[in-house]
Protein backbone atom coordinates (compact mmCIF):
# COMPACT_ATOMS: atom_id res chain seq x y z
CA MET A 1 -4.46 1.66 -25.66
CA THR A 2 -1.59 -0.39 -27.01
CA ILE A 3 1.29 -2.33 -25.51
CA VAL A 4 3.48 0.72 -26.17
CA ASP A 5 1.30 2.81 -23.80
CA GLU A 6 1.76 0.43 -20.86
CA PRO A 7 5.29 1.58 -19.81
CA GLY A 8 4.15 5.21 -19.82
CA ILE A 9 1.14 4.37 -17.66
CA ALA A 10 3.34 2.38 -15.27
CA LEU A 11 5.81 5.26 -14.94
CA ALA A 12 2.98 7.73 -14.31
CA ASN A 13 1.60 5.44 -11.58
CA LEU A 14 5.05 5.18 -9.97
CA ALA A 15 5.38 8.97 -10.02
CA ASP A 16 1.95 9.28 -8.37
CA MET A 17 2.95 6.81 -5.65
CA ALA A 18 6.22 8.66 -4.99
CA THR A 19 4.31 11.93 -4.63
CA ASN A 20 1.72 10.34 -2.32
CA ILE A 21 4.41 9.30 0.15
CA PHE A 22 4.61 12.92 1.26
CA THR A 23 1.03 13.96 0.59
CA PRO A 24 -1.37 11.06 1.16
CA MET A 25 -4.34 11.06 -1.18
CA LEU A 26 -7.49 9.07 -1.48
CA ARG A 27 -9.31 8.97 -4.77
CA LEU A 28 -12.85 7.83 -4.47
CA GLY A 29 -15.05 6.53 -7.25
CA ILE A 30 -18.81 6.49 -6.79
CA THR A 31 -20.81 3.93 -8.74
CA GLY A 32 -24.39 2.85 -8.53
CA LEU A 33 -27.57 2.19 -10.39
CA SER A 34 -29.33 5.00 -12.14
CA ARG A 35 -31.48 7.14 -9.85
CA ALA A 36 -29.64 5.83 -6.77
CA ASP A 37 -28.93 9.40 -5.48
CA LYS A 38 -25.21 9.43 -6.32
CA THR A 39 -25.57 13.13 -7.18
CA ILE A 40 -26.85 13.78 -3.65
CA PHE A 41 -24.28 11.57 -1.93
CA ILE A 42 -21.17 13.12 -3.53
CA PRO A 43 -21.75 16.77 -2.47
CA ALA A 44 -22.99 15.70 0.96
CA LEU A 45 -19.85 13.62 1.58
CA MET A 46 -17.56 16.33 0.24
CA HIS A 47 -19.26 19.05 2.28
CA ASN A 48 -18.97 17.02 5.48
CA LEU A 49 -15.30 16.22 4.86
CA LEU A 50 -14.42 19.81 3.92
CA THR A 51 -16.21 21.38 6.89
CA GLY A 52 -15.31 18.71 9.46
CA SER A 53 -18.95 18.06 10.24
CA ARG A 54 -20.03 15.32 12.60
CA MET A 55 -20.11 11.91 10.92
CA PRO A 56 -20.55 9.18 13.56
CA GLY A 57 -19.65 6.32 11.20
CA PHE A 58 -16.31 7.87 10.22
CA THR A 59 -14.06 6.68 13.05
CA GLN A 60 -11.03 8.68 11.93
CA LEU A 61 -12.99 11.89 12.46
CA ALA A 62 -14.46 10.71 15.78
CA GLU A 63 -10.98 9.77 17.07
CA ASP A 64 -9.38 13.07 15.91
CA ARG A 65 -7.16 11.20 13.42
CA PHE A 66 -8.60 13.00 10.39
CA ILE A 67 -6.16 15.68 9.24
CA GLY A 68 -8.34 17.36 6.67
CA ALA A 69 -9.72 17.39 3.16
CA ARG A 70 -9.45 19.73 0.22
CA LEU A 71 -10.57 19.83 -3.37
CA ALA A 72 -7.68 19.30 -5.76
CA GLU A 73 -7.33 19.50 -9.49
CA TYR A 74 -7.20 16.17 -11.26
CA SER A 75 -4.25 15.74 -13.60
CA ASP A 76 -6.29 14.17 -16.41
CA ALA A 77 -8.15 17.04 -18.08
CA THR A 78 -10.11 14.63 -20.28
CA ILE A 79 -12.16 13.51 -17.27
CA PRO A 80 -14.74 16.17 -16.38
CA ARG A 81 -14.78 17.40 -12.80
CA PHE A 82 -17.95 16.88 -10.76
CA ALA A 83 -19.76 20.20 -10.27
CA TYR A 84 -19.70 20.02 -6.46
CA LYS A 85 -20.70 23.61 -5.69
CA ARG A 86 -23.61 23.55 -8.12
CA HIS A 87 -25.18 20.64 -6.18
CA LEU A 88 -24.93 22.13 -2.67
């Protein structure tokens, strides 16, 4: 990345923010030590969010403030998508 790339990145971020005003989005990154069960956590979290399952620690769901979740395509094709369905 060079200094010339910075304005393009900034404009892309502004476009993302403008889009998110109308469609709120949360991008979640999962990090952890090796063998810390990240591969188990990700599909379990996604399944519970997609199906609206009971999650007592998630207050938005308990208070009926959670609108919903869906899987969406990520705009950067260079980043591989997590194989959610393969890990269910």
